């Protein structure tokens, strides 16, 4: 995985070493992660812009806010994710892919922490619970 560290590798590495809160974006293909101190970017779309990416491409990334105690995943599955028309199967694929890609990124920065989906983003997971055949 290629990491883009904003504003610099030294700044992000210092934030990681100091256990500071971070913003991270992990591309859906798991090939790229963009990471910054939370105070540097504030929001994921701003981080995309500051890292030289189009901020409108936010729906091409898994979005995470993390620290050394845990990672909160902003679980928002785009309606066109992988071209899967069935909503339940699409959300299931997004869930599985996201956990794999985010876990890999966390491991690579040396933070083996749990991934949490905050309550306000769990409404999509209700669909998976109602259709347990997809899990």
N, C-alpha and C. Protein backbone atom coordinates (compact mmCIF):
# COMPACT_ATOMS: atom_id res chain seq x y z
N UNK A 1 0.85 -1.18 0.00
CA UNK A 1 0.00 0.00 0.00
C UNK A 1 0.89 1.23 0.00
N UNK A 2 0.60 2.15 -0.89
CA UNK A 2 1.31 3.42 -0.96
C UNK A 2 0.65 4.42 -0.01
N UNK A 3 1.45 5.00 0.88
CA UNK A 3 0.94 6.00 1.83
C UNK A 3 1.31 7.40 1.37
N UNK A 4 0.31 8.27 1.37
CA UNK A 4 0.53 9.69 1.16
C UNK A 4 0.31 10.34 2.52
N UNK A 5 1.35 10.96 3.03
CA UNK A 5 1.30 11.55 4.36
C UNK A 5 1.30 13.07 4.22
N UNK A 6 0.21 13.68 4.74
CA UNK A 6 0.06 15.13 4.62
C UNK A 6 0.23 15.79 5.99
N UNK A 7 0.95 16.88 6.11
CA UNK A 7 1.64 17.62 5.08
C UNK A 7 2.98 17.02 4.68
N UNK A 8 3.52 16.13 5.54
CA UNK A 8 4.79 15.48 5.21
C UNK A 8 4.89 14.16 5.97
N UNK A 9 5.77 13.30 5.50
CA UNK A 9 5.99 12.03 6.18
C UNK A 9 6.48 12.27 7.62
N UNK A 10 7.36 13.25 7.79
CA UNK A 10 7.88 13.54 9.13
C UNK A 10 6.77 13.98 10.08
N UNK A 11 5.86 14.83 9.60
CA UNK A 11 4.76 15.29 10.44
C UNK A 11 3.82 14.15 10.83
N UNK A 12 3.48 13.31 9.88
CA UNK A 12 2.56 12.20 10.17
C UNK A 12 3.24 11.17 11.06
N UNK A 13 4.49 10.86 10.78
CA UNK A 13 5.21 9.91 11.62
C UNK A 13 5.32 10.41 13.06
N UNK A 14 5.52 11.71 13.24
CA UNK A 14 5.57 12.30 14.58
C UNK A 14 4.21 12.18 15.27
N UNK A 15 3.14 12.40 14.53
CA UNK A 15 1.78 12.28 15.09
C UNK A 15 1.50 10.84 15.49
N UNK A 16 1.93 9.89 14.67
CA UNK A 16 1.74 8.47 15.00
C UNK A 16 2.53 8.13 16.26
N UNK A 17 3.79 8.56 16.32
CA UNK A 17 4.63 8.28 17.49
C UNK A 17 4.07 8.90 18.77
N UNK A 18 3.42 10.05 18.64
CA UNK A 18 2.84 10.74 19.80
C UNK A 18 1.41 10.27 20.10
N UNK A 19 0.93 9.30 19.33
CA UNK A 19 -0.43 8.75 19.52
C UNK A 19 -1.51 9.82 19.36
N UNK A 20 -1.29 10.71 18.43
CA UNK A 20 -2.24 11.77 18.14
C UNK A 20 -3.38 11.24 17.25
N UNK A 21 -4.54 11.87 17.27
CA UNK A 21 -5.63 11.43 16.39
C UNK A 21 -5.31 11.75 14.93
N UNK A 22 -5.75 10.84 14.06
CA UNK A 22 -5.45 10.94 12.64
C UNK A 22 -6.71 10.80 11.80
N UNK A 23 -6.65 11.33 10.59
CA UNK A 23 -7.64 11.06 9.55
C UNK A 23 -6.96 10.15 8.54
N UNK A 24 -7.69 9.17 8.04
CA UNK A 24 -7.12 8.30 7.03
C UNK A 24 -8.17 7.97 5.99
N UNK A 25 -7.74 7.96 4.75
CA UNK A 25 -8.55 7.52 3.62
C UNK A 25 -7.84 6.33 3.01
N UNK A 26 -8.56 5.24 2.77
CA UNK A 26 -7.98 4.06 2.14
C UNK A 26 -8.75 3.81 0.86
N UNK A 27 -8.04 3.77 -0.26
CA UNK A 27 -8.72 3.57 -1.55
C UNK A 27 -9.41 2.22 -1.57
N UNK A 28 -10.51 2.16 -2.29
CA UNK A 28 -11.29 0.93 -2.36
C UNK A 28 -10.47 -0.26 -2.85
N UNK A 29 -9.46 -0.02 -3.70
CA UNK A 29 -8.64 -1.13 -4.18
C UNK A 29 -7.53 -1.49 -3.21
N UNK A 30 -7.40 -0.75 -2.10
CA UNK A 30 -6.39 -1.05 -1.09
C UNK A 30 -4.98 -0.70 -1.50
N UNK A 31 -4.82 0.03 -2.59
CA UNK A 31 -3.49 0.36 -3.09
C UNK A 31 -2.92 1.65 -2.49
N UNK A 32 -3.80 2.51 -1.97
CA UNK A 32 -3.35 3.82 -1.51
C UNK A 32 -4.05 4.20 -0.21
N UNK A 33 -3.30 4.85 0.67
CA UNK A 33 -3.87 5.43 1.88
C UNK A 33 -3.34 6.86 1.99
N UNK A 34 -4.23 7.76 2.37
CA UNK A 34 -3.86 9.15 2.61
C UNK A 34 -4.10 9.39 4.09
N UNK A 35 -3.10 9.93 4.76
CA UNK A 35 -3.18 10.04 6.21
C UNK A 35 -2.64 11.40 6.66
N UNK A 36 -3.26 11.93 7.72
CA UNK A 36 -2.87 13.24 8.23
C UNK A 36 -3.26 13.33 9.70
N UNK A 37 -2.60 14.21 10.40
CA UNK A 37 -3.03 14.56 11.75
C UNK A 37 -4.43 15.16 11.62
N UNK A 38 -5.31 14.84 12.53
CA UNK A 38 -6.69 15.32 12.49
C UNK A 38 -6.76 16.85 12.37
N UNK A 39 -5.91 17.55 13.11
CA UNK A 39 -5.96 19.02 13.09
C UNK A 39 -5.47 19.62 11.78
N UNK A 40 -4.71 18.89 11.00
CA UNK A 40 -4.19 19.39 9.72
C UNK A 40 -5.28 19.46 8.65
N UNK A 41 -6.20 18.48 8.66
CA UNK A 41 -7.17 18.40 7.58
C UNK A 41 -8.61 18.58 8.03
N UNK A 42 -8.95 18.16 9.22
CA UNK A 42 -10.25 18.32 9.86
C UNK A 42 -11.33 17.39 9.27
N UNK A 43 -11.45 17.33 7.95
CA UNK A 43 -12.47 16.51 7.28
C UNK A 43 -11.82 15.70 6.17
N UNK A 44 -12.42 14.57 5.83
CA UNK A 44 -11.84 13.70 4.81
C UNK A 44 -11.78 14.35 3.43
N UNK A 45 -12.82 15.06 3.03
CA UNK A 45 -12.78 15.69 1.70
C UNK A 45 -11.73 16.79 1.64
N UNK A 46 -11.48 17.46 2.76
CA UNK A 46 -10.43 18.47 2.82
C UNK A 46 -9.06 17.81 2.71
N UNK A 47 -8.90 16.66 3.37
CA UNK A 47 -7.65 15.91 3.27
C UNK A 47 -7.38 15.49 1.82
N UNK A 48 -8.41 15.03 1.13
CA UNK A 48 -8.24 14.67 -0.29
C UNK A 48 -7.71 15.87 -1.07
N UNK A 49 -8.34 17.01 -0.89
CA UNK A 49 -7.94 18.22 -1.60
C UNK A 49 -6.50 18.61 -1.26
N UNK A 50 -6.17 18.62 0.02
CA UNK A 50 -4.83 19.02 0.45
C UNK A 50 -3.76 18.05 -0.04
N UNK A 51 -4.15 16.80 -0.26
CA UNK A 51 -3.21 15.79 -0.75
C UNK A 51 -3.11 15.81 -2.28
N UNK A 52 -3.78 16.77 -2.91
CA UNK A 52 -3.68 16.90 -4.35
C UNK A 52 -4.66 16.05 -5.13
N UNK A 53 -5.69 15.57 -4.46
CA UNK A 53 -6.72 14.76 -5.12
C UNK A 53 -7.99 15.60 -5.26
N UNK A 54 -8.86 15.15 -6.12
CA UNK A 54 -10.15 15.81 -6.30
C UNK A 54 -11.03 15.48 -5.09
N UNK A 55 -11.47 16.49 -4.37
CA UNK A 55 -12.28 16.25 -3.16
C UNK A 55 -13.61 15.59 -3.48
N UNK A 56 -14.03 15.66 -4.75
CA UNK A 56 -15.29 15.00 -5.15
C UNK A 56 -15.13 13.49 -5.26
N UNK A 57 -13.89 12.99 -5.17
CA UNK A 57 -13.64 11.55 -5.24
C UNK A 57 -13.76 10.87 -3.88
N UNK A 58 -14.40 11.52 -2.94
CA UNK A 58 -14.53 10.99 -1.59
C UNK A 58 -15.16 9.60 -1.58
N UNK A 59 -16.05 9.31 -2.53
CA UNK A 59 -16.71 8.01 -2.57
C UNK A 59 -15.87 6.92 -3.22
N UNK A 60 -14.58 7.15 -3.31
CA UNK A 60 -13.65 6.13 -3.79
C UNK A 60 -12.73 5.64 -2.67
N UNK A 61 -13.06 6.07 -1.45
CA UNK A 61 -12.21 5.77 -0.30
C UNK A 61 -13.03 5.34 0.91
N UNK A 62 -12.44 4.43 1.70
CA UNK A 62 -12.96 4.14 3.03
C UNK A 62 -12.44 5.25 3.93
N UNK A 63 -13.30 5.80 4.78
CA UNK A 63 -12.95 6.96 5.61
C UNK A 63 -12.83 6.53 7.07
N UNK A 64 -11.73 6.91 7.70
CA UNK A 64 -11.47 6.48 9.07
C UNK A 64 -10.92 7.66 9.89
N UNK A 65 -11.36 7.75 11.13
CA UNK A 65 -10.78 8.65 12.13
C UNK A 65 -10.22 7.72 13.19
N UNK A 66 -8.95 7.90 13.54
CA UNK A 66 -8.32 6.92 14.42
C UNK A 66 -7.34 7.54 15.40
N UNK A 67 -7.07 6.75 16.41
CA UNK A 67 -5.98 7.02 17.33
C UNK A 67 -5.46 5.67 17.79
N UNK A 68 -4.56 5.66 18.76
CA UNK A 68 -3.95 4.40 19.17
C UNK A 68 -4.89 3.51 19.99
N UNK A 69 -6.13 3.95 20.21
CA UNK A 69 -7.10 3.15 20.95
C UNK A 69 -8.18 2.56 20.06
N UNK A 70 -8.34 3.08 18.85
CA UNK A 70 -9.36 2.54 17.97
C UNK A 70 -9.51 3.35 16.69
N UNK A 71 -10.23 2.74 15.75
CA UNK A 71 -10.47 3.37 14.46
C UNK A 71 -11.97 3.43 14.22
N UNK A 72 -12.50 4.62 14.04
CA UNK A 72 -13.92 4.81 13.74
C UNK A 72 -14.08 4.94 12.24
N UNK A 73 -14.82 4.00 11.67
CA UNK A 73 -15.04 3.94 10.23
C UNK A 73 -16.33 4.67 9.90
N UNK A 74 -16.21 5.70 9.07
CA UNK A 74 -17.38 6.40 8.57
C UNK A 74 -17.98 5.52 7.48
N UNK A 75 -18.91 4.66 7.86
CA UNK A 75 -19.45 3.61 7.00
C UNK A 75 -20.54 4.18 6.10
N UNK A 76 -20.12 4.62 4.91
CA UNK A 76 -21.07 5.14 3.92
C UNK A 76 -20.78 4.42 2.61
N UNK A 77 -21.67 3.50 2.25
CA UNK A 77 -21.49 2.71 1.04
C UNK A 77 -22.10 3.45 -0.15
N UNK A 78 -21.27 3.78 -1.14
CA UNK A 78 -21.80 4.48 -2.32
C UNK A 78 -22.79 3.59 -3.08
N UNK A 79 -23.80 4.17 -3.69
CA UNK A 79 -24.80 3.38 -4.40
C UNK A 79 -24.26 2.66 -5.63
N UNK A 80 -23.07 3.06 -6.10
CA UNK A 80 -22.49 2.41 -7.27
C UNK A 80 -21.28 1.53 -6.92
N UNK A 81 -21.13 1.18 -5.64
CA UNK A 81 -19.95 0.41 -5.20
C UNK A 81 -19.82 -0.88 -6.00
N UNK A 82 -18.71 -1.02 -6.70
CA UNK A 82 -18.37 -2.19 -7.50
C UNK A 82 -19.44 -2.56 -8.53
N UNK A 83 -20.34 -1.64 -8.82
CA UNK A 83 -21.38 -1.93 -9.80
C UNK A 83 -22.37 -2.98 -9.35
N UNK A 84 -22.48 -3.20 -8.05
CA UNK A 84 -23.38 -4.23 -7.51
C UNK A 84 -24.76 -3.60 -7.35
N UNK A 85 -25.75 -4.05 -8.12
CA UNK A 85 -27.08 -3.42 -8.07
C UNK A 85 -27.88 -3.76 -6.82
N UNK A 86 -27.73 -4.97 -6.29
CA UNK A 86 -28.48 -5.40 -5.11
C UNK A 86 -27.91 -4.72 -3.87
N UNK A 87 -28.75 -3.97 -3.18
CA UNK A 87 -28.28 -3.16 -2.05
C UNK A 87 -27.66 -4.00 -0.93
N UNK A 88 -28.28 -5.10 -0.58
CA UNK A 88 -27.75 -5.94 0.50
C UNK A 88 -26.39 -6.52 0.13
N UNK A 89 -26.28 -7.03 -1.07
CA UNK A 89 -24.99 -7.61 -1.51
C UNK A 89 -23.92 -6.52 -1.65
N UNK A 90 -24.32 -5.34 -2.10
CA UNK A 90 -23.39 -4.23 -2.23
C UNK A 90 -22.84 -3.83 -0.86
N UNK A 91 -23.72 -3.68 0.12
CA UNK A 91 -23.28 -3.29 1.46
C UNK A 91 -22.42 -4.39 2.09
N UNK A 92 -22.78 -5.63 1.85
CA UNK A 92 -21.99 -6.75 2.36
C UNK A 92 -20.57 -6.73 1.78
N UNK A 93 -20.46 -6.50 0.48
CA UNK A 93 -19.14 -6.43 -0.15
C UNK A 93 -18.35 -5.24 0.39
N UNK A 94 -19.00 -4.11 0.55
CA UNK A 94 -18.36 -2.91 1.09
C UNK A 94 -17.83 -3.18 2.50
N UNK A 95 -18.62 -3.84 3.32
CA UNK A 95 -18.24 -4.18 4.69
C UNK A 95 -17.00 -5.08 4.70
N UNK A 96 -17.04 -6.14 3.93
CA UNK A 96 -15.91 -7.09 3.89
C UNK A 96 -14.65 -6.44 3.33
N UNK A 97 -14.79 -5.72 2.23
CA UNK A 97 -13.64 -5.06 1.61
C UNK A 97 -13.06 -3.99 2.52
N UNK A 98 -13.93 -3.22 3.16
CA UNK A 98 -13.47 -2.16 4.05
C UNK A 98 -12.68 -2.68 5.23
N UNK A 99 -13.19 -3.73 5.86
CA UNK A 99 -12.46 -4.28 7.00
C UNK A 99 -11.08 -4.79 6.58
N UNK A 100 -10.99 -5.42 5.42
CA UNK A 100 -9.70 -5.93 4.95
C UNK A 100 -8.74 -4.79 4.66
N UNK A 101 -9.18 -3.78 3.91
CA UNK A 101 -8.30 -2.68 3.51
C UNK A 101 -7.90 -1.81 4.70
N UNK A 102 -8.86 -1.50 5.55
CA UNK A 102 -8.56 -0.67 6.72
C UNK A 102 -7.63 -1.40 7.68
N UNK A 103 -7.88 -2.68 7.90
CA UNK A 103 -7.00 -3.47 8.78
C UNK A 103 -5.57 -3.48 8.27
N UNK A 104 -5.42 -3.65 6.96
CA UNK A 104 -4.09 -3.65 6.36
C UNK A 104 -3.40 -2.30 6.58
N UNK A 105 -4.11 -1.21 6.35
CA UNK A 105 -3.52 0.13 6.54
C UNK A 105 -3.13 0.35 8.00
N UNK A 106 -4.00 -0.06 8.91
CA UNK A 106 -3.69 0.10 10.34
C UNK A 106 -2.44 -0.69 10.72
N UNK A 107 -2.35 -1.91 10.22
CA UNK A 107 -1.18 -2.73 10.51
C UNK A 107 0.10 -2.06 10.00
N UNK A 108 0.00 -1.48 8.81
CA UNK A 108 1.20 -0.88 8.21
C UNK A 108 1.69 0.36 8.96
N UNK A 109 0.79 1.05 9.66
CA UNK A 109 1.28 2.18 10.47
C UNK A 109 1.62 1.74 11.90
N UNK A 110 1.42 0.45 12.17
CA UNK A 110 1.80 -0.09 13.47
C UNK A 110 0.74 0.03 14.55
N UNK A 111 -0.48 0.32 14.18
CA UNK A 111 -1.57 0.44 15.15
C UNK A 111 -2.53 -0.73 14.97
N UNK A 112 -2.41 -1.72 15.82
CA UNK A 112 -3.30 -2.87 15.78
C UNK A 112 -4.46 -2.59 16.73
N UNK A 113 -5.42 -1.85 16.23
CA UNK A 113 -6.56 -1.42 17.04
C UNK A 113 -7.85 -1.92 16.40
N UNK A 114 -8.90 -1.94 17.19
CA UNK A 114 -10.20 -2.37 16.68
C UNK A 114 -10.80 -1.34 15.74
N UNK A 115 -11.64 -1.85 14.85
CA UNK A 115 -12.37 -0.99 13.92
C UNK A 115 -13.81 -0.91 14.40
N UNK A 116 -14.27 0.29 14.64
CA UNK A 116 -15.61 0.53 15.14
C UNK A 116 -16.42 1.28 14.08
N UNK A 117 -17.67 0.90 13.94
CA UNK A 117 -18.59 1.67 13.10
C UNK A 117 -19.51 2.41 14.07
N UNK A 118 -19.35 3.74 14.17
CA UNK A 118 -20.18 4.50 15.10
C UNK A 118 -21.67 4.28 14.84
N UNK A 119 -22.44 4.40 15.88
CA UNK A 119 -23.88 4.13 15.82
C UNK A 119 -24.58 4.87 14.68
N UNK A 120 -24.20 6.11 14.45
CA UNK A 120 -24.89 6.91 13.42
C UNK A 120 -24.68 6.37 12.01
N UNK A 121 -23.69 5.47 11.83
CA UNK A 121 -23.44 4.89 10.51
C UNK A 121 -23.90 3.43 10.41
N UNK A 122 -24.53 2.92 11.41
CA UNK A 122 -24.90 1.50 11.43
C UNK A 122 -26.21 1.17 10.74
N UNK A 123 -26.93 2.16 10.25
CA UNK A 123 -28.24 1.88 9.64
C UNK A 123 -28.13 0.93 8.47
N UNK A 124 -27.03 1.01 7.71
CA UNK A 124 -26.85 0.07 6.60
C UNK A 124 -26.60 -1.35 7.08
N UNK A 125 -26.02 -1.47 8.24
CA UNK A 125 -25.74 -2.81 8.77
C UNK A 125 -27.02 -3.54 9.15
N UNK A 126 -28.09 -2.80 9.43
CA UNK A 126 -29.37 -3.44 9.73
C UNK A 126 -29.84 -4.30 8.56
N UNK A 127 -29.55 -3.86 7.34
CA UNK A 127 -29.90 -4.65 6.17
C UNK A 127 -29.18 -5.99 6.18
N UNK A 128 -27.92 -5.99 6.61
CA UNK A 128 -27.16 -7.24 6.65
C UNK A 128 -27.68 -8.16 7.75
N UNK A 129 -28.07 -7.60 8.86
CA UNK A 129 -28.62 -8.42 9.95
C UNK A 129 -29.94 -9.06 9.54
N UNK A 130 -30.73 -8.33 8.76
CA UNK A 130 -32.02 -8.85 8.32
C UNK A 130 -31.85 -9.94 7.27
N UNK A 131 -30.73 -9.96 6.57
CA UNK A 131 -30.47 -10.97 5.55
C UNK A 131 -29.16 -11.67 5.89
N UNK A 132 -29.20 -12.53 6.89
CA UNK A 132 -27.99 -13.18 7.41
C UNK A 132 -27.34 -14.11 6.39
N UNK A 133 -27.99 -14.38 5.27
CA UNK A 133 -27.40 -15.25 4.27
C UNK A 133 -26.23 -14.57 3.56
N UNK A 134 -26.10 -13.26 3.69
CA UNK A 134 -25.01 -12.55 2.99
C UNK A 134 -23.73 -12.53 3.82
N UNK A 135 -23.80 -12.83 5.09
CA UNK A 135 -22.60 -12.74 5.92
C UNK A 135 -21.80 -14.01 5.93
